Amino acid sequence: MDPVRLGLLSTANINAQILGGASETDRVQVVAVGSRDAAKAQAYAAEHGIERAHGTYEALLADEGIDAVYIGLPNGLHHEWTLAALAAGKHVLVEKPYTRHAAEAEAAFDEADAAGLVLMEAFMYRHHPQTAVVRDLVANGAIGRLQTVRTVFTFPLEDLTNVRALPELDGGALMDVGCYCLSGIRLLAGEPERVSGEQVIGSTGVDMAFHGTLRCAGDVIGQFEASFRSPQRQRLEAVGEEGVLTVGAPFRVDWGGQVRLARSEGGALSEGEVVEIPSGSSYRLQLENLADAIQERAPQRLGRDDAVGQARTIEALYRAADDGRTVAVADVA
């Protein structure tokens, strides 16, 4: 089959990862870029060897030479431009998190399904072989019955003009790095039944730190820390009755970190063993899965259920933090 022809809707920095992934596969070809500034679009296209440049997002979506678009815009613009892309007949890969509102995620997938188009949330780490190894170890009982999942993702954000710090664009630590923490918990423990959270609001009005607890089925508890106030770090720890699985780089696998499995020996943990992880490129594999779904070779890895579950959990956590109470996720429409 011919490669999927992809257009970049914006010249955002995250595009570099998509371009890198596309350079590693013949399944997807980046053929166009759109910006609200024609000169910027042309310069970007020339710099990256992209065939066509468009001076508006609307012009990109009207380009009959593209099959799909990648939307790397700030969070608060994801829904608007996803709906516009779907209306233009384009498949969509949209940067995570899609939204903090469950109703928006439902509406977007309704539109995609009605049009027969692929809509995928771009959680790239879910495509890396490490994620499958971790999921399978827990699911197959390597640590016994799962009890707790703890996740951490933090880095210092000093530039408060950055889109991550702007409330009008749905910035905040929970939306930026916390969404990874939630995704990791949900992957291993399933959808939460109820949540509670505490946030630290910064001078721009967004949460600069968010700490949360998720109660999942089977008495499994998820806990996470997401922060723009702490040194750069990430970690996932899955605790079971018979052992502990730790992942040093669960989300940005390219940072490097071991996966270590320690088992209980008479109630004490062993030193543990390093789990071998196959190599792989998260962004290449994500693009290849997009192409598979578009060309009906294989189902998309991340679809409606995951995106809606993610949005519903985020929405419940913000309600919980705002109101100072525990929120049942089922109560989020």
C-alpha atoms as a PDB file:
ATOM      1  CA  MET A   1       0.000   0.000   0.000  1.00  0.00           C
ATOM      2  CA  ASP A   2       1.036   3.607  -0.508  1.00  0.00           C
ATOM      3  CA  PRO A   3       2.197   5.448   2.616  1.00  0.00           C
ATOM      4  CA  VAL A   4      -0.314   7.449   4.615  1.00  0.00           C
ATOM      5  CA  ARG A   5       0.146  11.111   3.686  1.00  0.00           C
ATOM      6  CA  LEU A   6       0.307  13.159   6.873  1.00  0.00           C
ATOM      7  CA  GLY A   7      -0.078  16.891   7.377  1.00  0.00           C
ATOM      8  CA  LEU A   8       1.200  18.736  10.449  1.00  0.00           C
ATOM      9  CA  LEU A   9      -1.376  21.151  11.830  1.00  0.00           C
ATOM     10  CA  SER A  10       0.977  23.710  13.460  1.00  0.00           C
ATOM     11  CA  THR A  11       4.737  24.096  13.686  1.00  0.00           C
ATOM     12  CA  ALA A  12       4.861  23.092  17.363  1.00  0.00           C
ATOM     13  CA  ASN A  13       8.104  21.769  18.847  1.00  0.00           C
ATOM     14  CA  ILE A  14       6.535  18.338  19.380  1.00  0.00           C
ATOM     15  CA  ASN A  15       6.451  17.961  15.578  1.00  0.00           C
ATOM     16  CA  ALA A  16      10.152  17.085  15.733  1.00  0.00           C
ATOM     17  CA  GLN A  17       9.236  13.764  17.357  1.00  0.00           C
ATOM     18  CA  ILE A  18       6.662  13.005  14.660  1.00  0.00           C
ATOM     19  CA  LEU A  19       9.119  13.883  11.911  1.00  0.00           C
ATOM     20  CA  GLY A  20      11.709  11.654  13.551  1.00  0.00           C
ATOM     21  CA  GLY A  21       9.283   8.759  13.752  1.00  0.00           C
ATOM     22  CA  ALA A  22       8.208   9.236  10.132  1.00  0.00           C
ATOM     23  CA  SER A  23      11.843   9.191   8.993  1.00  0.00           C
ATOM     24  CA  GLU A  24      12.170   5.655  10.411  1.00  0.00           C
ATOM     25  CA  THR A  25       9.274   4.110   8.473  1.00  0.00           C
ATOM     26  CA  ASP A  26       7.965   3.937   4.923  1.00  0.00           C
ATOM     27  CA  ARG A  27       4.374   3.627   6.174  1.00  0.00           C
ATOM     28  CA  VAL A  28       3.809   7.359   6.819  1.00  0.00           C
ATOM     29  CA  GLN A  29       5.069  10.347   4.837  1.00  0.00           C
ATOM     30  CA  VAL A  30       4.824  13.926   6.107  1.00  0.00           C
ATOM     31  CA  VAL A  31       3.822  15.910   3.018  1.00  0.00           C
ATOM     32  CA  ALA A  32       2.427  19.217   4.305  1.00  0.00           C
ATOM     33  CA  VAL A  33       2.488  21.650   7.198  1.00  0.00           C
ATOM     34  CA  GLY A  34       0.060  24.390   8.172  1.00  0.00           C
ATOM     35  CA  SER A  35       0.569  27.502  10.289  1.00  0.00           C
ATOM     36  CA  ARG A  36      -1.334  30.701  10.992  1.00  0.00           C
ATOM     37  CA  ASP A  37       1.713  32.489   9.551  1.00  0.00           C
ATOM     38  CA  ALA A  38       2.433  31.710   5.884  1.00  0.00           C
ATOM     39  CA  ALA A  39       6.080  32.729   6.090  1.00  0.00           C
ATOM     40  CA  LYS A  40       6.583  30.546   9.144  1.00  0.00           C
ATOM     41  CA  ALA A  41       4.969  27.589   7.398  1.00  0.00           C
ATOM     42  CA  GLN A  42       7.177  28.039   4.339  1.00  0.00           C
ATOM     43  CA  ALA A  43      10.345  28.331   6.415  1.00  0.00           C
ATOM     44  CA  TYR A  44       9.373  25.248   8.431  1.00  0.00           C
ATOM     45  CA  ALA A  45       8.669  23.232   5.287  1.00  0.00           C
ATOM     46  CA  ALA A  46      11.996  24.251   3.759  1.00  0.00           C
ATOM     47  CA  GLU A  47      13.898  23.383   6.935  1.00  0.00           C
ATOM     48  CA  HIS A  48      12.366  19.928   7.225  1.00  0.00           C
ATOM     49  CA  GLY A  49      12.025  18.966   3.566  1.00  0.00           C
ATOM     50  CA  ILE A  50       8.228  19.024   3.561  1.00  0.00           C
ATOM     51  CA  GLU A  51       6.586  19.352   0.138  1.00  0.00           C
ATOM     52  CA  ARG A  52       3.822  21.855   0.818  1.00  0.00           C
ATOM     53  CA  ALA A  53       3.249  24.744   3.227  1.00  0.00           C
ATOM     54  CA  HIS A  54      -0.096  26.348   4.041  1.00  0.00           C
ATOM     55  CA  GLY A  55      -0.625  29.753   5.631  1.00  0.00           C
ATOM     56  CA  THR A  56      -3.760  28.732   7.529  1.00  0.00           C
ATOM     57  CA  TYR A  57      -4.960  25.613   9.291  1.00  0.00           C
ATOM     58  CA  GLU A  58      -8.071  25.676   7.100  1.00  0.00           C
ATOM     59  CA  ALA A  59      -5.906  25.518   3.973  1.00  0.00           C
ATOM     60  CA  LEU A  60      -4.071  22.493   5.318  1.00  0.00           C
ATOM     61  CA  LEU A  61      -7.354  20.709   5.989  1.00  0.00           C
ATOM     62  CA  ALA A  62      -8.519  21.510   2.456  1.00  0.00           C
ATOM     63  CA  ASP A  63      -5.384  19.920   0.957  1.00  0.00           C
ATOM     64  CA  GLU A  64      -6.610  16.909  -1.036  1.00  0.00           C
ATOM     65  CA  GLY A  65      -3.114  15.461  -1.017  1.00  0.00           C
ATOM     66  CA  ILE A  66      -3.177  14.483   2.657  1.00  0.00           C
ATOM     67  CA  ASP A  67      -4.969  11.572   4.293  1.00  0.00           C
ATOM     68  CA  ALA A  68      -4.456  12.429   7.962  1.00  0.00           C
ATOM     69  CA  VAL A  69      -3.345  15.266  10.204  1.00  0.00           C
ATOM     70  CA  TYR A  70      -1.291  15.394  13.349  1.00  0.00           C
ATOM     71  CA  ILE A  71      -2.543  18.030  15.804  1.00  0.00           C
ATOM     72  CA  GLY A  72       0.183  19.180  18.178  1.00  0.00           C
ATOM     73  CA  LEU A  73      -1.581  22.355  19.294  1.00  0.00           C
ATOM     74  CA  PRO A  74      -1.961  23.380  22.960  1.00  0.00           C
ATOM     75  CA  ASN A  75      -4.488  21.312  24.918  1.00  0.00           C
ATOM     76  CA  GLY A  76      -7.285  23.853  24.782  1.00  0.00           C
ATOM     77  CA  LEU A  77      -7.321  23.779  20.959  1.00  0.00           C
ATOM     78  CA  HIS A  78      -7.387  20.006  20.476  1.00  0.00           C
ATOM     79  CA  HIS A  79     -11.157  19.577  20.347  1.00  0.00           C
ATOM     80  CA  GLU A  80     -11.893  22.488  18.013  1.00  0.00           C
ATOM     81  CA  TRP A  81      -9.359  21.471  15.393  1.00  0.00           C
ATOM     82  CA  THR A  82     -10.020  17.753  15.701  1.00  0.00           C
ATOM     83  CA  LEU A  83     -13.659  18.389  14.818  1.00  0.00           C
ATOM     84  CA  ALA A  84     -12.573  20.625  11.924  1.00  0.00           C
ATOM     85  CA  ALA A  85     -10.194  17.949  10.624  1.00  0.00           C
ATOM     86  CA  LEU A  86     -12.836  15.237  10.838  1.00  0.00           C
ATOM     87  CA  ALA A  87     -15.334  17.485   9.043  1.00  0.00           C
ATOM     88  CA  ALA A  88     -12.740  17.895   6.284  1.00  0.00           C
ATOM     89  CA  GLY A  89     -12.519  14.117   5.913  1.00  0.00           C
ATOM     90  CA  LYS A  90      -9.102  13.671   7.502  1.00  0.00           C
ATOM     91  CA  HIS A  91      -7.998  10.973   9.918  1.00  0.00           C
ATOM     92  CA  VAL A  92      -6.590  12.482  13.122  1.00  0.00           C
ATOM     93  CA  LEU A  93      -3.684  11.802  15.440  1.00  0.00           C
ATOM     94  CA  VAL A  94      -4.070  14.348  18.240  1.00  0.00           C
ATOM     95  CA  GLU A  95      -1.522  15.031  20.952  1.00  0.00           C
ATOM     96  CA  LYS A  96      -2.305  13.866  24.453  1.00  0.00           C
ATOM     97  CA  PRO A  97      -4.307  14.616  26.463  1.00  0.00           C
ATOM     98  CA  TYR A  98      -7.191  15.058  24.066  1.00  0.00           C
ATOM     99  CA  THR A  99      -9.280  16.985  26.585  1.00  0.00           C
ATOM    100  CA  ARG A 100     -10.174  17.461  30.242  1.00  0.00           C
ATOM    101  CA  HIS A 101     -13.878  17.106  29.410  1.00  0.00           C
ATOM    102  CA  ALA A 102     -15.318  13.629  28.878  1.00  0.00           C
ATOM    103  CA  ALA A 103     -18.230  14.957  26.813  1.00  0.00           C
ATOM    104  CA  GLU A 104     -15.785  16.420  24.274  1.00  0.00           C
ATOM    105  CA  ALA A 105     -14.030  13.086  23.855  1.00  0.00           C
ATOM    106  CA  GLU A 106     -17.353  11.312  23.337  1.00  0.00           C
ATOM    107  CA  ALA A 107     -18.451  13.929  20.779  1.00  0.00           C
ATOM    108  CA  ALA A 108     -15.202  13.677  18.814  1.00  0.00           C
ATOM    109  CA  PHE A 109     -15.358   9.893  18.569  1.00  0.00           C
ATOM    110  CA  ASP A 110     -19.017  10.094  17.573  1.00  0.00           C
ATOM    111  CA  GLU A 111     -17.969  12.325  14.663  1.00  0.00           C
ATOM    112  CA  ALA A 112     -15.079  10.039  13.700  1.00  0.00           C
ATOM    113  CA  ASP A 113     -17.253   6.927  13.789  1.00  0.00           C
ATOM    114  CA  ALA A 114     -20.004   8.590  11.741  1.00  0.00           C
ATOM    115  CA  ALA A 115     -17.469   9.623   9.097  1.00  0.00           C
ATOM    116  CA  GLY A 116     -15.607   6.300   9.094  1.00  0.00           C
ATOM    117  CA  LEU A 117     -12.381   8.012  10.123  1.00  0.00           C
ATOM    118  CA  VAL A 118      -9.613   7.085  12.564  1.00  0.00           C
ATOM    119  CA  LEU A 119      -9.181   9.303  15.621  1.00  0.00           C
ATOM    120  CA  MET A 120      -6.282   8.440  17.905  1.00  0.00           C
ATOM    121  CA  GLU A 121      -4.911  10.083  21.049  1.00  0.00           C
ATOM    122  CA  ALA A 122      -1.110  10.313  20.836  1.00  0.00           C
ATOM    123  CA  PHE A 123       0.115   8.562  23.978  1.00  0.00           C
ATOM    124  CA  MET A 124       3.322   7.448  22.289  1.00  0.00           C
ATOM    125  CA  TYR A 125       4.643   5.411  25.242  1.00  0.00           C
ATOM    126  CA  ARG A 126       1.733   2.976  24.891  1.00  0.00           C
ATOM    127  CA  HIS A 127       3.273   1.801  21.602  1.00  0.00           C
ATOM    128  CA  HIS A 128       6.741   1.052  22.983  1.00  0.00           C
ATOM    129  CA  PRO A 129       7.567  -2.653  23.619  1.00  0.00           C
ATOM    130  CA  GLN A 130       8.439  -1.816  27.235  1.00  0.00           C
ATOM    131  CA  THR A 131       4.828  -0.925  27.979  1.00  0.00           C
ATOM    132  CA  ALA A 132       3.568  -4.279  26.723  1.00  0.00           C
ATOM    133  CA  VAL A 133       6.190  -6.127  28.786  1.00  0.00           C
ATOM    134  CA  VAL A 134       5.209  -4.252  31.959  1.00  0.00           C
ATOM    135  CA  ARG A 135       1.493  -4.763  31.345  1.00  0.00           C
ATOM    136  CA  ASP A 136       1.926  -8.476  30.654  1.00  0.00           C
ATOM    137  CA  LEU A 137       4.125  -9.079  33.713  1.00  0.00           C
ATOM    138  CA  VAL A 138       1.470  -7.572  35.973  1.00  0.00           C
ATOM    139  CA  ALA A 139      -1.455  -9.232  34.173  1.00  0.00           C
ATOM    140  CA  ASN A 140       0.212 -12.646  34.234  1.00  0.00           C
ATOM    141  CA  GLY A 141       0.881 -12.586  37.974  1.00  0.00           C
ATOM    142  CA  ALA A 142       4.616 -11.882  38.134  1.00  0.00           C
ATOM    143  CA  ILE A 143       4.050  -9.842  41.322  1.00  0.00           C
ATOM    144  CA  GLY A 144       0.956 -11.682  42.518  1.00  0.00           C
ATOM    145  CA  ARG A 145      -2.354  -9.904  42.989  1.00  0.00           C
ATOM    146  CA  LEU A 146      -1.922  -6.221  42.220  1.00  0.00           C
ATOM    147  CA  GLN A 147      -2.369  -3.907  45.193  1.00  0.00           C
ATOM    148  CA  THR A 148      -0.898  -0.513  44.360  1.00  0.00           C
ATOM    149  CA  VAL A 149       0.359   1.452  41.358  1.00  0.00           C
ATOM    150  CA  ARG A 150       2.421   4.580  42.008  1.00  0.00           C
ATOM    151  CA  THR A 151       3.503   6.927  39.233  1.00  0.00           C
ATOM    152  CA  VAL A 152       5.607  10.087  39.142  1.00  0.00           C
ATOM    153  CA  PHE A 153       6.354  12.543  36.347  1.00  0.00           C
ATOM    154  CA  THR A 154       7.855  15.954  37.169  1.00  0.00           C
ATOM    155  CA  PHE A 155      10.114  18.665  35.793  1.00  0.00           C
ATOM    156  CA  PRO A 156      10.753  22.329  36.666  1.00  0.00           C
ATOM    157  CA  LEU A 157       8.811  24.791  34.488  1.00  0.00           C
ATOM    158  CA  GLU A 158      10.485  28.171  34.868  1.00  0.00           C
ATOM    159  CA  ASP A 159       8.969  30.000  31.872  1.00  0.00           C
ATOM    160  CA  LEU A 160       5.449  30.929  32.929  1.00  0.00           C
ATOM    161  CA  THR A 161       4.652  32.243  29.445  1.00  0.00           C
ATOM    162  CA  ASN A 162       4.883  28.647  28.207  1.00  0.00           C
ATOM    163  CA  VAL A 163       1.541  27.224  27.012  1.00  0.00           C
ATOM    164  CA  ARG A 164       1.777  24.652  29.813  1.00  0.00           C
ATOM    165  CA  ALA A 165       1.247  27.487  32.316  1.00  0.00           C
ATOM    166  CA  LEU A 166      -1.689  29.202  30.571  1.00  0.00           C
ATOM    167  CA  PRO A 167      -5.180  28.411  31.889  1.00  0.00           C
ATOM    168  CA  GLU A 168      -6.919  29.606  28.716  1.00  0.00           C
ATOM    169  CA  LEU A 169      -5.112  26.838  26.823  1.00  0.00           C
ATOM    170  CA  ASP A 170      -5.837  24.165  29.447  1.00  0.00           C
ATOM    171  CA  GLY A 171      -2.328  24.096  30.833  1.00  0.00           C
ATOM    172  CA  GLY A 172      -1.345  22.608  34.160  1.00  0.00           C
ATOM    173  CA  ALA A 173       0.722  19.773  35.570  1.00  0.00           C
ATOM    174  CA  LEU A 174      -2.159  17.279  35.559  1.00  0.00           C
ATOM    175  CA  MET A 175      -2.841  17.906  31.880  1.00  0.00           C
ATOM    176  CA  ASP A 176       0.808  17.883  30.816  1.00  0.00           C
ATOM    177  CA  VAL A 177       2.654  15.203  32.786  1.00  0.00           C
ATOM    178  CA  GLY A 178      -0.123  13.957  35.049  1.00  0.00           C
ATOM    179  CA  CYS A 179      -2.017  12.519  32.113  1.00  0.00           C
ATOM    180  CA  TYR A 180       0.853  10.049  31.660  1.00  0.00           C
ATOM    181  CA  CYS A 181       0.642   9.083  35.320  1.00  0.00           C
ATOM    182  CA  LEU A 182      -3.086   8.429  35.006  1.00  0.00           C
ATOM    183  CA  SER A 183      -2.635   6.471  31.806  1.00  0.00           C
ATOM    184  CA  GLY A 184      -0.064   4.215  33.468  1.00  0.00           C
ATOM    185  CA  ILE A 185      -2.306   3.540  36.452  1.00  0.00           C
ATOM    186  CA  ARG A 186      -5.340   2.868  34.272  1.00  0.00           C
ATOM    187  CA  LEU A 187      -3.359   0.535  32.016  1.00  0.00           C
ATOM    188  CA  LEU A 188      -2.439  -1.731  34.935  1.00  0.00           C
ATOM    189  CA  ALA A 189      -5.378  -1.286  37.325  1.00  0.00           C
ATOM    190  CA  GLY A 190      -8.302  -0.493  35.042  1.00  0.00           C
ATOM    191  CA  GLU A 191     -10.687   2.442  35.209  1.00  0.00           C
ATOM    192  CA  PRO A 192     -10.954   4.115  38.631  1.00  0.00           C
ATOM    193  CA  GLU A 193     -14.182   4.033  40.590  1.00  0.00           C
ATOM    194  CA  ARG A 194     -13.520   7.193  42.583  1.00  0.00           C
ATOM    195  CA  VAL A 195     -10.728   9.736  42.920  1.00  0.00           C
ATOM    196  CA  SER A 196      -9.411  12.441  45.205  1.00  0.00           C
ATOM    197  CA  GLY A 197      -6.784  15.064  44.535  1.00  0.00           C
ATOM    198  CA  GLU A 198      -4.801  18.018  45.819  1.00  0.00           C
ATOM    199  CA  GLN A 199      -3.433  20.727  43.571  1.00  0.00           C
ATOM    200  CA  VAL A 200      -1.020  23.612  44.089  1.00  0.00           C
ATOM    201  CA  ILE A 201      -2.130  26.597  42.003  1.00  0.00           C
ATOM    202  CA  GLY A 202       0.574  28.872  40.614  1.00  0.00           C
ATOM    203  CA  SER A 203       0.574  32.555  39.792  1.00  0.00           C
ATOM    204  CA  THR A 204      -0.868  32.024  36.306  1.00  0.00           C
ATOM    205  CA  GLY A 205      -3.865  30.106  37.640  1.00  0.00           C
ATOM    206  CA  VAL A 206      -2.944  26.557  36.631  1.00  0.00           C
ATOM    207  CA  ASP A 207      -2.005  23.644  38.846  1.00  0.00           C
ATOM    208  CA  MET A 208       1.775  23.675  39.126  1.00  0.00           C
ATOM    209  CA  ALA A 209       1.568  20.412  41.059  1.00  0.00           C
ATOM    210  CA  PHE A 210      -1.135  17.787  41.372  1.00  0.00           C
ATOM    211  CA  HIS A 211      -1.180  14.788  43.706  1.00  0.00           C
ATOM    212  CA  GLY A 212      -3.981  12.264  43.384  1.00  0.00           C
ATOM    213  CA  THR A 213      -5.390   8.939  44.543  1.00  0.00           C
ATOM    214  CA  LEU A 214      -7.478   6.589  42.418  1.00  0.00           C
ATOM    215  CA  ARG A 215      -9.577   3.766  43.890  1.00  0.00           C
ATOM    216  CA  CYS A 216      -9.880   0.990  41.305  1.00  0.00           C
ATOM    217  CA  ALA A 217     -11.693  -2.343  41.292  1.00  0.00           C
ATOM    218  CA  GLY A 218     -10.370  -5.179  43.438  1.00  0.00           C
ATOM    219  CA  ASP A 219      -9.093  -2.839  46.156  1.00  0.00           C
ATOM    220  CA  VAL A 220      -6.272  -1.589  43.911  1.00  0.00           C
ATOM    221  CA  ILE A 221      -5.088   1.932  44.793  1.00  0.00           C
ATOM    222  CA  GLY A 222      -3.329   4.217  42.352  1.00  0.00           C
ATOM    223  CA  GLN A 223      -1.325   7.216  43.536  1.00  0.00           C
ATOM    224  CA  PHE A 224       0.491   9.799  41.440  1.00  0.00           C
ATOM    225  CA  GLU A 225       2.561  12.970  41.619  1.00  0.00           C
ATOM    226  CA  ALA A 226       2.664  15.405  38.684  1.00  0.00           C
ATOM    227  CA  SER A 227       4.599  18.617  39.077  1.00  0.00           C
ATOM    228  CA  PHE A 228       6.231  21.615  37.416  1.00  0.00           C
ATOM    229  CA  ARG A 229       7.922  22.474  40.735  1.00  0.00           C
ATOM    230  CA  SER A 230      10.226  19.474  41.197  1.00  0.00           C
ATOM    231  CA  PRO A 231      13.405  18.206  39.518  1.00  0.00           C
ATOM    232  CA  GLN A 232      13.044  16.120  36.374  1.00  0.00           C
ATOM    233  CA  ARG A 233      12.049  12.569  37.225  1.00  0.00           C
ATOM    234  CA  GLN A 234       9.688   9.789  36.232  1.00  0.00           C
ATOM    235  CA  ARG A 235       8.870   6.404  37.708  1.00  0.00           C
ATOM    236  CA  LEU A 236       6.223   3.688  37.871  1.00  0.00           C
ATOM    237  CA  GLU A 237       5.987   1.150  40.684  1.00  0.00           C
ATOM    238  CA  ALA A 238       3.513  -1.722  40.693  1.00  0.00           C
ATOM    239  CA  VAL A 239       3.202  -3.474  44.046  1.00  0.00           C
ATOM    240  CA  GLY A 240       1.643  -6.907  44.369  1.00  0.00           C
ATOM    241  CA  GLU A 241       1.215  -9.453  47.138  1.00  0.00           C
ATOM    242  CA  GLU A 242       4.287 -11.352  45.948  1.00  0.00           C
ATOM    243  CA  GLY A 243       6.608  -8.724  44.495  1.00  0.00           C
ATOM    244  CA  VAL A 244       7.300  -5.265  43.123  1.00  0.00           C
ATOM    245  CA  LEU A 245       7.884  -4.147  39.546  1.00  0.00           C
ATOM    246  CA  THR A 246       9.664  -0.804  39.099  1.00  0.00           C
ATOM    247  CA  VAL A 247      10.043   1.048  35.815  1.00  0.00           C
ATOM    248  CA  GLY A 248      12.695   3.752  35.716  1.00  0.00           C
ATOM    249  CA  ALA A 249      11.488   5.431  32.507  1.00  0.00           C
ATOM    250  CA  PRO A 250       7.869   4.411  31.985  1.00  0.00           C
ATOM    251  CA  PHE A 251       6.765   7.301  29.753  1.00  0.00           C
ATOM    252  CA  ARG A 252       9.799   8.910  28.121  1.00  0.00           C
ATOM    253  CA  VAL A 253      11.554   5.635  27.489  1.00  0.00           C
ATOM    254  CA  ASP A 254      14.283   7.525  25.632  1.00  0.00           C
ATOM    255  CA  TRP A 255      15.500   9.012  28.947  1.00  0.00           C
ATOM    256  CA  GLY A 256      16.758   5.548  29.840  1.00  0.00           C
ATOM    257  CA  GLY A 257      16.002   3.467  32.917  1.00  0.00           C
ATOM    258  CA  GLN A 258      15.764  -0.139  34.016  1.00  0.00           C
ATOM    259  CA  VAL A 259      12.728  -2.328  34.532  1.00  0.00           C
ATOM    260  CA  ARG A 260      13.369  -4.358  37.684  1.00  0.00           C
ATOM    261  CA  LEU A 261      11.323  -7.213  39.128  1.00  0.00           C
ATOM    262  CA  ALA A 262      11.776  -8.059  42.828  1.00  0.00           C
ATOM    263  CA  ARG A 263       9.913 -10.917  44.474  1.00  0.00           C
ATOM    264  CA  SER A 264       8.978 -11.498  48.085  1.00  0.00           C
ATOM    265  CA  GLU A 265      11.127 -13.992  49.955  1.00  0.00           C
ATOM    266  CA  GLY A 266       9.772 -14.687  53.414  1.00  0.00           C
ATOM    267  CA  GLY A 267       8.101 -11.303  53.468  1.00  0.00           C
ATOM    268  CA  ALA A 268      11.221  -9.368  52.399  1.00  0.00           C
ATOM    269  CA  LEU A 269      11.952  -8.258  48.849  1.00  0.00           C
ATOM    270  CA  SER A 270      14.758  -9.867  46.925  1.00  0.00           C
ATOM    271  CA  GLU A 271      17.361  -7.708  45.235  1.00  0.00           C
ATOM    272  CA  GLY A 272      15.458  -8.362  42.071  1.00  0.00           C
ATOM    273  CA  GLU A 273      16.353  -8.913  38.478  1.00  0.00           C
ATOM    274  CA  VAL A 274      16.573  -6.588  35.493  1.00  0.00           C
ATOM    275  CA  VAL A 275      13.912  -7.321  32.890  1.00  0.00           C
ATOM    276  CA  GLU A 276      15.178  -7.285  29.313  1.00  0.00           C
ATOM    277  CA  ILE A 277      13.190  -4.915  27.115  1.00  0.00           C
ATOM    278  CA  PRO A 278      13.130  -5.068  23.307  1.00  0.00           C
ATOM    279  CA  SER A 279      14.248  -1.897  21.590  1.00  0.00           C
ATOM    280  CA  GLY A 280      11.753   0.215  19.721  1.00  0.00           C
ATOM    281  CA  SER A 281      10.828   3.740  18.676  1.00  0.00           C
ATOM    282  CA  SER A 282       7.667   4.996  20.367  1.00  0.00           C
ATOM    283  CA  TYR A 283       6.908   7.570  17.676  1.00  0.00           C
ATOM    284  CA  ARG A 284       7.620   5.248  14.745  1.00  0.00           C
ATOM    285  CA  LEU A 285       5.432   2.539  16.224  1.00  0.00           C
ATOM    286  CA  GLN A 286       2.673   5.051  16.948  1.00  0.00           C
ATOM    287  CA  LEU A 287       2.680   6.217  13.331  1.00  0.00           C
ATOM    288  CA  GLU A 288       2.722   2.662  12.037  1.00  0.00           C
ATOM    289  CA  ASN A 289      -0.284   1.801  14.189  1.00  0.00           C
ATOM    290  CA  LEU A 290      -2.065   4.864  12.803  1.00  0.00           C
ATOM    291  CA  ALA A 291      -1.303   3.659   9.282  1.00  0.00           C
ATOM    292  CA  ASP A 292      -2.457   0.131  10.153  1.00  0.00           C
ATOM    293  CA  ALA A 293      -5.777   1.472  11.411  1.00  0.00           C
ATOM    294  CA  ILE A 294      -6.319   3.766   8.422  1.00  0.00           C
ATOM    295  CA  GLN A 295      -5.479   0.993   5.948  1.00  0.00           C
ATOM    296  CA  GLU A 296      -7.465  -1.578   7.959  1.00  0.00           C
ATOM    297  CA  ARG A 297      -4.461  -3.820   8.550  1.00  0.00           C
ATOM    298  CA  ALA A 298      -4.886  -3.853  12.332  1.00  0.00           C
ATOM    299  CA  PRO A 299      -7.026  -2.122  14.982  1.00  0.00           C
ATOM    300  CA  GLN A 300      -5.832   1.134  16.503  1.00  0.00           C
ATOM    301  CA  ARG A 301      -4.205   0.645  19.890  1.00  0.00           C
ATOM    302  CA  LEU A 302      -5.832   3.699  21.474  1.00  0.00           C
ATOM    303  CA  GLY A 303      -9.461   4.440  20.683  1.00  0.00           C
ATOM    304  CA  ARG A 304     -12.671   5.753  22.163  1.00  0.00           C
ATOM    305  CA  ASP A 305     -12.712   3.802  25.425  1.00  0.00           C
ATOM    306  CA  ASP A 306      -9.216   4.821  26.427  1.00  0.00           C
ATOM    307  CA  ALA A 307      -9.613   8.485  25.466  1.00  0.00           C
ATOM    308  CA  VAL A 308     -12.975   8.856  27.190  1.00  0.00           C
ATOM    309  CA  GLY A 309     -11.738   7.020  30.286  1.00  0.00           C
ATOM    310  CA  GLN A 310      -8.717   9.291  30.426  1.00  0.00           C
ATOM    311  CA  ALA A 311     -10.783  12.468  30.038  1.00  0.00           C
ATOM    312  CA  ARG A 312     -13.338  11.305  32.596  1.00  0.00           C
ATOM    313  CA  THR A 313     -10.587  10.621  35.151  1.00  0.00           C
ATOM    314  CA  ILE A 314      -8.965  14.031  34.574  1.00  0.00           C
ATOM    315  CA  GLU A 315     -12.317  15.782  34.889  1.00  0.00           C
ATOM    316  CA  ALA A 316     -13.115  13.915  38.106  1.00  0.00           C
ATOM    317  CA  LEU A 317      -9.721  14.786  39.607  1.00  0.00           C
ATOM    318  CA  TYR A 318     -10.136  18.489  38.917  1.00  0.00           C
ATOM    319  CA  ARG A 319     -13.602  18.390  40.496  1.00  0.00           C
ATOM    320  CA  ALA A 320     -12.205  16.576  43.507  1.00  0.00           C
ATOM    321  CA  ALA A 321      -9.395  19.083  43.988  1.00  0.00           C
ATOM    322  CA  ASP A 322     -11.662  22.091  43.466  1.00  0.00           C
ATOM    323  CA  ASP A 323     -14.308  20.834  45.888  1.00  0.00           C
ATOM    324  CA  GLY A 324     -12.066  19.125  48.443  1.00  0.00           C
ATOM    325  CA  ARG A 325     -13.925  15.834  48.245  1.00  0.00           C
ATOM    326  CA  THR A 326     -13.834  12.359  46.744  1.00  0.00           C
ATOM    327  CA  VAL A 327     -15.579  12.155  43.356  1.00  0.00           C
ATOM    328  CA  ALA A 328     -17.148   9.056  41.809  1.00  0.00           C
ATOM    329  CA  VAL A 329     -15.880   8.809  38.234  1.00  0.00           C
ATOM    330  CA  ALA A 330     -19.245   7.450  37.094  1.00  0.00           C
ATOM    331  CA  ASP A 331     -20.783  10.802  38.054  1.00  0.00           C
ATOM    332  CA  VAL A 332     -18.773  12.564  35.320  1.00  0.00           C
ATOM    333  CA  ALA A 333     -21.032  12.741  32.285  1.00  0.00           C
END
